[in-house]
Amino acid sequence: MTTQTIGTQRQIETIRVNQAGLVIALVLGGFHLMWAMIVASGLAQPLMDFIFWLHFIRPVYVIETFEPLRAAGLVLLTSIIGYVIGSVFALLWNRLNRG
């Protein structure tokens, strides 16, 4: 699809729905995988305490012990949500930018 903009032509590309879904799924799932690894290493509580301290907040959250099944559920769920968000974004983008 092309759009006329003050005498110039601009090409607007479509986004592949599956590819966009996978990219966002990997980003969200990857962040939560890193968080699970931080929890498993035992560094999560000191990290959270430090981050809250930097923001002038008294830490009120307690990080629980690592559970592999729970961590897998977290990564899986956030990956699924990321896939849905990426796919919906691509569908909306493609729909709004077609001629």
PDB file of N, CA and C in Angstrom:
ATOM      1  N   MET A   1       0.844  -1.172   0.000  1.00  0.00           N
ATOM      2  CA  MET A   1       0.000   0.000   0.000  1.00  0.00           C
ATOM      3  C   MET A   1       0.885   1.229   0.000  1.00  0.00           C
ATOM      4  N   THR A   2       0.512   2.230  -0.731  1.00  0.00           N
ATOM      5  CA  THR A   2       1.267   3.481  -0.750  1.00  0.00           C
ATOM      6  C   THR A   2       0.387   4.612  -0.247  1.00  0.00           C
ATOM      7  N   THR A   3       1.016   5.588   0.335  1.00  0.00           N
ATOM      8  CA  THR A   3       0.312   6.754   0.849  1.00  0.00           C
ATOM      9  C   THR A   3       0.940   7.992   0.229  1.00  0.00           C
ATOM     10  N   GLN A   4       0.133   8.894  -0.273  1.00  0.00           N
ATOM     11  CA  GLN A   4       0.625  10.140  -0.862  1.00  0.00           C
ATOM     12  C   GLN A   4       0.834  11.154   0.255  1.00  0.00           C
ATOM     13  N   THR A   5       2.067  11.640   0.392  1.00  0.00           N
ATOM     14  CA  THR A   5       2.371  12.611   1.424  1.00  0.00           C
ATOM     15  C   THR A   5       3.125  13.778   0.801  1.00  0.00           C
ATOM     16  N   ILE A   6       2.456  14.864   0.560  1.00  0.00           N
ATOM     17  CA  ILE A   6       3.033  16.100   0.012  1.00  0.00           C
ATOM     18  C   ILE A   6       3.993  15.795  -1.137  1.00  0.00           C
ATOM     19  N   GLY A   7       3.481  15.150  -2.153  1.00  0.00           N
ATOM     20  CA  GLY A   7       4.256  14.930  -3.354  1.00  0.00           C
ATOM     21  C   GLY A   7       5.230  13.771  -3.319  1.00  0.00           C
ATOM     22  N   THR A   8       5.358  13.090  -2.200  1.00  0.00           N
ATOM     23  CA  THR A   8       6.261  11.939  -2.131  1.00  0.00           C
ATOM     24  C   THR A   8       5.440  10.700  -1.857  1.00  0.00           C
ATOM     25  N   GLN A   9       5.971   9.559  -2.255  1.00  0.00           N
ATOM     26  CA  GLN A   9       5.294   8.301  -1.973  1.00  0.00           C
ATOM     27  C   GLN A   9       6.014   7.580  -0.858  1.00  0.00           C
ATOM     28  N   ARG A  10       5.238   7.032   0.031  1.00  0.00           N
ATOM     29  CA  ARG A  10       5.799   6.312   1.165  1.00  0.00           C
ATOM     30  C   ARG A  10       5.190   4.919   1.177  1.00  0.00           C
ATOM     31  N   GLN A  11       6.019   3.910   1.322  1.00  0.00           N
ATOM     32  CA  GLN A  11       5.556   2.532   1.341  1.00  0.00           C
ATOM     33  C   GLN A  11       5.275   2.124   2.793  1.00  0.00           C
ATOM     34  N   ILE A  12       4.047   1.679   3.061  1.00  0.00           N
ATOM     35  CA  ILE A  12       3.701   1.184   4.391  1.00  0.00           C
ATOM     36  C   ILE A  12       3.656  -0.330   4.328  1.00  0.00           C
ATOM     37  N   GLU A  13       4.512  -0.958   5.096  1.00  0.00           N
ATOM     38  CA  GLU A  13       4.631  -2.410   5.082  1.00  0.00           C
ATOM     39  C   GLU A  13       3.587  -3.048   5.993  1.00  0.00           C
ATOM     40  N   THR A  14       3.175  -4.239   5.616  1.00  0.00           N
ATOM     41  CA  THR A  14       2.308  -5.006   6.505  1.00  0.00           C
ATOM     42  C   THR A  14       3.189  -5.793   7.472  1.00  0.00           C
ATOM     43  N   ILE A  15       2.625  -6.137   8.586  1.00  0.00           N
ATOM     44  CA  ILE A  15       3.348  -6.892   9.610  1.00  0.00           C
ATOM     45  C   ILE A  15       2.813  -8.317   9.611  1.00  0.00           C
ATOM     46  N   ARG A  16       3.708  -9.278   9.615  1.00  0.00           N
ATOM     47  CA  ARG A  16       3.295 -10.676   9.692  1.00  0.00           C
ATOM     48  C   ARG A  16       2.768 -10.958  11.088  1.00  0.00           C
ATOM     49  N   VAL A  17       1.541 -11.444  11.157  1.00  0.00           N
ATOM     50  CA  VAL A  17       0.860 -11.632  12.438  1.00  0.00           C
ATOM     51  C   VAL A  17       1.613 -12.628  13.311  1.00  0.00           C
ATOM     52  N   ASN A  18       1.953 -13.777  12.769  1.00  0.00           N
ATOM     53  CA  ASN A  18       2.632 -14.810  13.557  1.00  0.00           C
ATOM     54  C   ASN A  18       4.008 -14.337  14.022  1.00  0.00           C
ATOM     55  N   GLN A  19       4.721 -13.658  13.150  1.00  0.00           N
ATOM     56  CA  GLN A  19       6.056 -13.177  13.498  1.00  0.00           C
ATOM     57  C   GLN A  19       5.990 -12.123  14.608  1.00  0.00           C
ATOM     58  N   ALA A  20       5.044 -11.212  14.520  1.00  0.00           N
ATOM     59  CA  ALA A  20       4.894 -10.195  15.564  1.00  0.00           C
ATOM     60  C   ALA A  20       4.527 -10.849  16.895  1.00  0.00           C
ATOM     61  N   GLY A  21       3.624 -11.826  16.843  1.00  0.00           N
ATOM     62  CA  GLY A  21       3.252 -12.537  18.060  1.00  0.00           C
ATOM     63  C   GLY A  21       4.434 -13.238  18.698  1.00  0.00           C
ATOM     64  N   LEU A  22       5.246 -13.889  17.878  1.00  0.00           N
ATOM     65  CA  LEU A  22       6.412 -14.600  18.409  1.00  0.00           C
ATOM     66  C   LEU A  22       7.449 -13.656  19.002  1.00  0.00           C
ATOM     67  N   VAL A  23       7.642 -12.513  18.360  1.00  0.00           N
ATOM     68  CA  VAL A  23       8.626 -11.553  18.875  1.00  0.00           C
ATOM     69  C   VAL A  23       8.220 -11.052  20.261  1.00  0.00           C
ATOM     70  N   ILE A  24       6.980 -10.625  20.408  1.00  0.00           N
ATOM     71  CA  ILE A  24       6.532 -10.113  21.704  1.00  0.00           C
ATOM     72  C   ILE A  24       6.483 -11.242  22.741  1.00  0.00           C
ATOM     73  N   ALA A  25       6.114 -12.449  22.310  1.00  0.00           N
ATOM     74  CA  ALA A  25       6.122 -13.603  23.220  1.00  0.00           C
ATOM     75  C   ALA A  25       7.533 -13.859  23.745  1.00  0.00           C
ATOM     76  N   LEU A  26       8.526 -13.774  22.869  1.00  0.00           N
ATOM     77  CA  LEU A  26       9.908 -13.982  23.297  1.00  0.00           C
ATOM     78  C   LEU A  26      10.387 -12.882  24.241  1.00  0.00           C
ATOM     79  N   VAL A  27       9.977 -11.656  23.978  1.00  0.00           N
ATOM     80  CA  VAL A  27      10.397 -10.547  24.852  1.00  0.00           C
ATOM     81  C   VAL A  27       9.791 -10.708  26.249  1.00  0.00           C
ATOM     82  N   LEU A  28       8.457 -10.855  26.316  1.00  0.00           N
ATOM     83  CA  LEU A  28       7.812 -10.980  27.633  1.00  0.00           C
ATOM     84  C   LEU A  28       8.231 -12.261  28.345  1.00  0.00           C
ATOM     85  N   GLY A  29       8.227 -13.375  27.612  1.00  0.00           N
ATOM     86  CA  GLY A  29       8.653 -14.638  28.211  1.00  0.00           C
ATOM     87  C   GLY A  29      10.100 -14.588  28.659  1.00  0.00           C
ATOM     88  N   GLY A  30      10.952 -13.943  27.855  1.00  0.00           N
ATOM     89  CA  GLY A  30      12.370 -13.824  28.204  1.00  0.00           C
ATOM     90  C   GLY A  30      12.605 -13.005  29.465  1.00  0.00           C
ATOM     91  N   PHE A  31      11.879 -11.886  29.591  1.00  0.00           N
ATOM     92  CA  PHE A  31      12.006 -11.084  30.817  1.00  0.00           C
ATOM     93  C   PHE A  31      11.596 -11.892  32.041  1.00  0.00           C
ATOM     94  N   HIS A  32      10.518 -12.646  31.923  1.00  0.00           N
ATOM     95  CA  HIS A  32      10.058 -13.417  33.070  1.00  0.00           C
ATOM     96  C   HIS A  32      10.937 -14.631  33.332  1.00  0.00           C
ATOM     97  N   LEU A  33      11.575 -15.166  32.303  1.00  0.00           N
ATOM     98  CA  LEU A  33      12.556 -16.233  32.505  1.00  0.00           C
ATOM     99  C   LEU A  33      13.756 -15.695  33.277  1.00  0.00           C
ATOM    100  N   MET A  34      14.197 -14.474  32.918  1.00  0.00           N
ATOM    101  CA  MET A  34      15.301 -13.854  33.657  1.00  0.00           C
ATOM    102  C   MET A  34      14.909 -13.628  35.120  1.00  0.00           C
ATOM    103  N   TRP A  35      13.674 -13.176  35.359  1.00  0.00           N
ATOM    104  CA  TRP A  35      13.217 -12.971  36.725  1.00  0.00           C
ATOM    105  C   TRP A  35      13.220 -14.294  37.495  1.00  0.00           C
ATOM    106  N   ALA A  36      12.736 -15.363  36.868  1.00  0.00           N
ATOM    107  CA  ALA A  36      12.725 -16.671  37.521  1.00  0.00           C
ATOM    108  C   ALA A  36      14.144 -17.118  37.862  1.00  0.00           C
ATOM    109  N   MET A  37      15.094 -16.828  36.984  1.00  0.00           N
ATOM    110  CA  MET A  37      16.487 -17.193  37.253  1.00  0.00           C
ATOM    111  C   MET A  37      17.063 -16.374  38.410  1.00  0.00           C
ATOM    112  N   ILE A  38      16.667 -15.121  38.499  1.00  0.00           N
ATOM    113  CA  ILE A  38      17.115 -14.281  39.618  1.00  0.00           C
ATOM    114  C   ILE A  38      16.540 -14.818  40.928  1.00  0.00           C
ATOM    115  N   VAL A  39      15.266 -15.225  40.909  1.00  0.00           N
ATOM    116  CA  VAL A  39      14.650 -15.804  42.108  1.00  0.00           C
ATOM    117  C   VAL A  39      15.366 -17.090  42.481  1.00  0.00           C
ATOM    118  N   ALA A  40      15.636 -17.939  41.491  1.00  0.00           N
ATOM    119  CA  ALA A  40      16.306 -19.216  41.749  1.00  0.00           C
ATOM    120  C   ALA A  40      17.706 -19.011  42.326  1.00  0.00           C
ATOM    121  N   SER A  41      18.374 -17.945  41.923  1.00  0.00           N
ATOM    122  CA  SER A  41      19.732 -17.687  42.412  1.00  0.00           C
ATOM    123  C   SER A  41      19.752 -17.148  43.838  1.00  0.00           C
ATOM    124  N   GLY A  42      18.588 -16.724  44.334  1.00  0.00           N
ATOM    125  CA  GLY A  42      18.529 -16.161  45.683  1.00  0.00           C
ATOM    126  C   GLY A  42      18.825 -14.670  45.729  1.00  0.00           C
ATOM    127  N   LEU A  43      18.970 -14.036  44.582  1.00  0.00           N
ATOM    128  CA  LEU A  43      19.307 -12.609  44.546  1.00  0.00           C
ATOM    129  C   LEU A  43      18.090 -11.694  44.415  1.00  0.00           C
ATOM    130  N   ALA A  44      16.909 -12.268  44.291  1.00  0.00           N
ATOM    131  CA  ALA A  44      15.722 -11.456  44.022  1.00  0.00           C
ATOM    132  C   ALA A  44      15.382 -10.517  45.183  1.00  0.00           C
ATOM    133  N   GLN A  45      15.405 -11.023  46.406  1.00  0.00           N
ATOM    134  CA  GLN A  45      15.030 -10.166  47.542  1.00  0.00           C
ATOM    135  C   GLN A  45      15.995  -9.002  47.719  1.00  0.00           C
ATOM    136  N   PRO A  46      17.326  -9.250  47.720  1.00  0.00           N
ATOM    137  CA  PRO A  46      18.230  -8.096  47.823  1.00  0.00           C
ATOM    138  C   PRO A  46      18.078  -7.114  46.656  1.00  0.00           C
ATOM    139  N   LEU A  47      17.829  -7.628  45.471  1.00  0.00           N
ATOM    140  CA  LEU A  47      17.639  -6.760  44.306  1.00  0.00           C
ATOM    141  C   LEU A  47      16.403  -5.886  44.477  1.00  0.00           C
ATOM    142  N   MET A  48      15.285  -6.490  44.872  1.00  0.00           N
ATOM    143  CA  MET A  48      14.054  -5.722  45.076  1.00  0.00           C
ATOM    144  C   MET A  48      14.222  -4.710  46.211  1.00  0.00           C
ATOM    145  N   ASP A  49      14.860  -5.125  47.291  1.00  0.00           N
ATOM    146  CA  ASP A  49      15.099  -4.197  48.399  1.00  0.00           C
ATOM    147  C   ASP A  49      15.915  -2.991  47.935  1.00  0.00           C
ATOM    148  N   PHE A  50      16.937  -3.247  47.123  1.00  0.00           N
ATOM    149  CA  PHE A  50      17.781  -2.174  46.616  1.00  0.00           C
ATOM    150  C   PHE A  50      17.002  -1.241  45.687  1.00  0.00           C
ATOM    151  N   ILE A  51      16.218  -1.827  44.776  1.00  0.00           N
ATOM    152  CA  ILE A  51      15.441  -1.008  43.845  1.00  0.00           C
ATOM    153  C   ILE A  51      14.437  -0.136  44.593  1.00  0.00           C
ATOM    154  N   PHE A  52      13.742  -0.709  45.572  1.00  0.00           N
ATOM    155  CA  PHE A  52      12.803   0.091  46.368  1.00  0.00           C
ATOM    156  C   PHE A  52      13.544   1.183  47.134  1.00  0.00           C
ATOM    157  N   TRP A  53      14.693   0.845  47.706  1.00  0.00           N
ATOM    158  CA  TRP A  53      15.480   1.815  48.461  1.00  0.00           C
ATOM    159  C   TRP A  53      15.856   2.996  47.573  1.00  0.00           C
ATOM    160  N   LEU A  54      16.259   2.711  46.319  1.00  0.00           N
ATOM    161  CA  LEU A  54      16.623   3.781  45.388  1.00  0.00           C
ATOM    162  C   LEU A  54      15.447   4.710  45.102  1.00  0.00           C
ATOM    163  N   HIS A  55      14.244   4.181  45.173  1.00  0.00           N
ATOM    164  CA  HIS A  55      13.045   4.966  44.879  1.00  0.00           C
ATOM    165  C   HIS A  55      12.396   5.534  46.145  1.00  0.00           C
ATOM    166  N   PHE A  56      13.117   5.472  47.261  1.00  0.00           N
ATOM    167  CA  PHE A  56      12.620   6.005  48.526  1.00  0.00           C
ATOM    168  C   PHE A  56      11.345   5.290  48.981  1.00  0.00           C
ATOM    169  N   ILE A  57      11.284   3.988  48.735  1.00  0.00           N
ATOM    170  CA  ILE A  57      10.137   3.180  49.126  1.00  0.00           C
ATOM    171  C   ILE A  57      10.600   2.134  50.132  1.00  0.00           C
ATOM    172  N   ARG A  58       9.852   1.983  51.191  1.00  0.00           N
ATOM    173  CA  ARG A  58      10.159   0.941  52.162  1.00  0.00           C
ATOM    174  C   ARG A  58       9.668  -0.390  51.582  1.00  0.00           C
ATOM    175  N   PRO A  59      10.566  -1.365  51.442  1.00  0.00           N
ATOM    176  CA  PRO A  59      10.161  -2.645  50.852  1.00  0.00           C
ATOM    177  C   PRO A  59       9.082  -3.333  51.683  1.00  0.00           C
ATOM    178  N   VAL A  60       8.007  -3.716  51.012  1.00  0.00           N
ATOM    179  CA  VAL A  60       6.924  -4.410  51.697  1.00  0.00           C
ATOM    180  C   VAL A  60       6.689  -5.807  51.110  1.00  0.00           C
ATOM    181  N   TYR A  61       7.340  -6.096  49.996  1.00  0.00           N
ATOM    182  CA  TYR A  61       7.149  -7.379  49.341  1.00  0.00           C
ATOM    183  C   TYR A  61       8.219  -8.367  49.773  1.00  0.00           C
ATOM    184  N   VAL A  62       7.819  -9.612  49.915  1.00  0.00           N
ATOM    185  CA  VAL A  62       8.746 -10.678  50.268  1.00  0.00           C
ATOM    186  C   VAL A  62       8.766 -11.666  49.115  1.00  0.00           C
ATOM    187  N   ILE A  63       9.954 -11.927  48.581  1.00  0.00           N
ATOM    188  CA  ILE A  63      10.107 -12.877  47.482  1.00  0.00           C
ATOM    189  C   ILE A  63      10.085 -14.283  48.068  1.00  0.00           C
ATOM    190  N   GLU A  64       9.208 -15.109  47.542  1.00  0.00           N
ATOM    191  CA  GLU A  64       9.101 -16.482  48.036  1.00  0.00           C
ATOM    192  C   GLU A  64      10.198 -17.346  47.438  1.00  0.00           C
ATOM    193  N   THR A  65      10.311 -18.580  47.940  1.00  0.00           N
ATOM    194  CA  THR A  65      11.321 -19.489  47.428  1.00  0.00           C
ATOM    195  C   THR A  65      10.954 -19.935  46.015  1.00  0.00           C
ATOM    196  N   PHE A  66      11.968 -20.301  45.279  1.00  0.00           N
ATOM    197  CA  PHE A  66      11.807 -20.697  43.881  1.00  0.00           C
ATOM    198  C   PHE A  66      11.101 -22.042  43.782  1.00  0.00           C
ATOM    199  N   GLU A  67      10.130 -22.109  42.863  1.00  0.00           N
ATOM    200  CA  GLU A  67       9.443 -23.359  42.548  1.00  0.00           C
ATOM    201  C   GLU A  67       9.485 -23.527  41.028  1.00  0.00           C
ATOM    202  N   PRO A  68      10.154 -24.566  40.524  1.00  0.00           N
ATOM    203  CA  PRO A  68      10.317 -24.726  39.072  1.00  0.00           C
ATOM    204  C   PRO A  68       8.993 -24.774  38.296  1.00  0.00           C
ATOM    205  N   LEU A  69       7.996 -25.471  38.803  1.00  0.00           N
ATOM    206  CA  LEU A  69       6.724 -25.577  38.089  1.00  0.00           C
ATOM    207  C   LEU A  69       6.018 -24.222  38.016  1.00  0.00           C
ATOM    208  N   ARG A  70       6.083 -23.501  39.102  1.00  0.00           N
ATOM    209  CA  ARG A  70       5.482 -22.163  39.138  1.00  0.00           C
ATOM    210  C   ARG A  70       6.201 -21.223  38.180  1.00  0.00           C
ATOM    211  N   ALA A  71       7.539 -21.322  38.127  1.00  0.00           N
ATOM    212  CA  ALA A  71       8.323 -20.494  37.211  1.00  0.00           C
ATOM    213  C   ALA A  71       7.983 -20.828  35.760  1.00  0.00           C
ATOM    214  N   ALA A  72       7.831 -22.109  35.468  1.00  0.00           N
ATOM    215  CA  ALA A  72       7.462 -22.515  34.103  1.00  0.00           C
ATOM    216  C   ALA A  72       6.084 -21.967  33.738  1.00  0.00           C
ATOM    217  N   GLY A  73       5.152 -21.996  34.686  1.00  0.00           N
ATOM    218  CA  GLY A  73       3.827 -21.434  34.451  1.00  0.00           C
ATOM    219  C   GLY A  73       3.889 -19.948  34.188  1.00  0.00           C
ATOM    220  N   LEU A  74       4.729 -19.236  34.942  1.00  0.00           N
ATOM    221  CA  LEU A  74       4.900 -17.790  34.745  1.00  0.00           C
ATOM    222  C   LEU A  74       5.420 -17.491  33.343  1.00  0.00           C
ATOM    223  N   VAL A  75       6.468 -18.199  32.944  1.00  0.00           N
ATOM    224  CA  VAL A  75       7.067 -17.960  31.626  1.00  0.00           C
ATOM    225  C   VAL A  75       6.083 -18.331  30.518  1.00  0.00           C
ATOM    226  N   LEU A  76       5.395 -19.460  30.665  1.00  0.00           N
ATOM    227  CA  LEU A  76       4.434 -19.899  29.653  1.00  0.00           C
ATOM    228  C   LEU A  76       3.280 -18.906  29.517  1.00  0.00           C
ATOM    229  N   LEU A  77       2.703 -18.502  30.639  1.00  0.00           N
ATOM    230  CA  LEU A  77       1.568 -17.589  30.608  1.00  0.00           C
ATOM    231  C   LEU A  77       1.942 -16.234  30.003  1.00  0.00           C
ATOM    232  N   THR A  78       3.083 -15.691  30.412  1.00  0.00           N
ATOM    233  CA  THR A  78       3.475 -14.391  29.868  1.00  0.00           C
ATOM    234  C   THR A  78       3.843 -14.494  28.386  1.00  0.00           C
ATOM    235  N   SER A  79       4.371 -15.635  27.963  1.00  0.00           N
ATOM    236  CA  SER A  79       4.656 -15.832  26.543  1.00  0.00           C
ATOM    237  C   SER A  79       3.361 -15.881  25.730  1.00  0.00           C
ATOM    238  N   ILE A  80       2.365 -16.572  26.249  1.00  0.00           N
ATOM    239  CA  ILE A  80       1.067 -16.637  25.563  1.00  0.00           C
ATOM    240  C   ILE A  80       0.444 -15.246  25.467  1.00  0.00           C
ATOM    241  N   ILE A  81       0.476 -14.518  26.564  1.00  0.00           N
ATOM    242  CA  ILE A  81      -0.065 -13.150  26.562  1.00  0.00           C
ATOM    243  C   ILE A  81       0.704 -12.283  25.568  1.00  0.00           C
ATOM    244  N   GLY A  82       2.030 -12.431  25.519  1.00  0.00           N
ATOM    245  CA  GLY A  82       2.842 -11.680  24.566  1.00  0.00           C
ATOM    246  C   GLY A  82       2.494 -12.017  23.126  1.00  0.00           C
ATOM    247  N   TYR A  83       2.242 -13.305  22.864  1.00  0.00           N
ATOM    248  CA  TYR A  83       1.863 -13.711  21.513  1.00  0.00           C
ATOM    249  C   TYR A  83       0.539 -13.067  21.103  1.00  0.00           C
ATOM    250  N   VAL A  84      -0.411 -13.063  22.020  1.00  0.00           N
ATOM    251  CA  VAL A  84      -1.714 -12.466  21.728  1.00  0.00           C
ATOM    252  C   VAL A  84      -1.566 -10.959  21.487  1.00  0.00           C
ATOM    253  N   ILE A  85      -0.811 -10.280  22.331  1.00  0.00           N
ATOM    254  CA  ILE A  85      -0.611  -8.835  22.180  1.00  0.00           C
ATOM    255  C   ILE A  85       0.058  -8.523  20.839  1.00  0.00           C
ATOM    256  N   GLY A  86       1.118  -9.246  20.500  1.00  0.00           N
ATOM    257  CA  GLY A  86       1.811  -9.017  19.240  1.00  0.00           C
ATOM    258  C   GLY A  86       0.930  -9.293  18.032  1.00  0.00           C
ATOM    259  N   SER A  87       0.155 -10.367  18.098  1.00  0.00           N
ATOM    260  CA  SER A  87      -0.732 -10.723  16.986  1.00  0.00           C
ATOM    261  C   SER A  87      -1.830  -9.689  16.808  1.00  0.00           C
ATOM    262  N   VAL A  88      -2.437  -9.268  17.902  1.00  0.00           N
ATOM    263  CA  VAL A  88      -3.498  -8.256  17.816  1.00  0.00           C
ATOM    264  C   VAL A  88      -2.934  -6.947  17.281  1.00  0.00           C
ATOM    265  N   PHE A  89      -1.748  -6.572  17.744  1.00  0.00           N
ATOM    266  CA  PHE A  89      -1.116  -5.356  17.218  1.00  0.00           C
ATOM    267  C   PHE A  89      -0.925  -5.457  15.710  1.00  0.00           C
ATOM    268  N   ALA A  90      -0.393  -6.581  15.236  1.00  0.00           N
ATOM    269  CA  ALA A  90      -0.149  -6.754  13.801  1.00  0.00           C
ATOM    270  C   ALA A  90      -1.462  -6.719  13.013  1.00  0.00           C
ATOM    271  N   LEU A  91      -2.484  -7.387  13.521  1.00  0.00           N
ATOM    272  CA  LEU A  91      -3.779  -7.373  12.843  1.00  0.00           C
ATOM    273  C   LEU A  91      -4.340  -5.960  12.753  1.00  0.00           C
ATOM    274  N   LEU A  92      -4.268  -5.214  13.861  1.00  0.00           N
ATOM    275  CA  LEU A  92      -4.763  -3.829  13.850  1.00  0.00           C
ATOM    276  C   LEU A  92      -3.946  -2.961  12.912  1.00  0.00           C
ATOM    277  N   TRP A  93      -2.635  -3.089  12.968  1.00  0.00           N
ATOM    278  CA  TRP A  93      -1.758  -2.313  12.099  1.00  0.00           C
ATOM    279  C   TRP A  93      -2.103  -2.572  10.629  1.00  0.00           C
ATOM    280  N   ASN A  94      -2.193  -3.839  10.266  1.00  0.00           N
ATOM    281  CA  ASN A  94      -2.481  -4.188   8.882  1.00  0.00           C
ATOM    282  C   ASN A  94      -3.853  -3.687   8.450  1.00  0.00           C
ATOM    283  N   ARG A  95      -4.808  -3.775   9.342  1.00  0.00           N
ATOM    284  CA  ARG A  95      -6.172  -3.339   9.018  1.00  0.00           C
ATOM    285  C   ARG A  95      -6.241  -1.822   8.845  1.00  0.00           C
ATOM    286  N   LEU A  96      -5.585  -1.096   9.732  1.00  0.00           N
ATOM    287  CA  LEU A  96      -5.631   0.362   9.685  1.00  0.00           C
ATOM    288  C   LEU A  96      -4.816   0.950   8.536  1.00  0.00           C
ATOM    289  N   ASN A  97      -3.862   0.198   8.023  1.00  0.00           N
ATOM    290  CA  ASN A  97      -2.965   0.742   6.998  1.00  0.00           C
ATOM    291  C   ASN A  97      -3.200   0.151   5.616  1.00  0.00           C
ATOM    292  N   ARG A  98      -4.317  -0.472   5.397  1.00  0.00           N
ATOM    293  CA  ARG A  98      -4.580  -0.954   4.041  1.00  0.00           C
ATOM    294  C   ARG A  98      -5.415   0.073   3.280  1.00  0.00           C
ATOM    295  N   GLY A  99      -5.324   0.016   1.974  1.00  0.00           N
ATOM    296  CA  GLY A  99      -5.944   1.040   1.154  1.00  0.00           C
ATOM    297  C   GLY A  99      -7.342   0.820   0.774  1.00  0.00           C
TER     298      GLY A  99
END
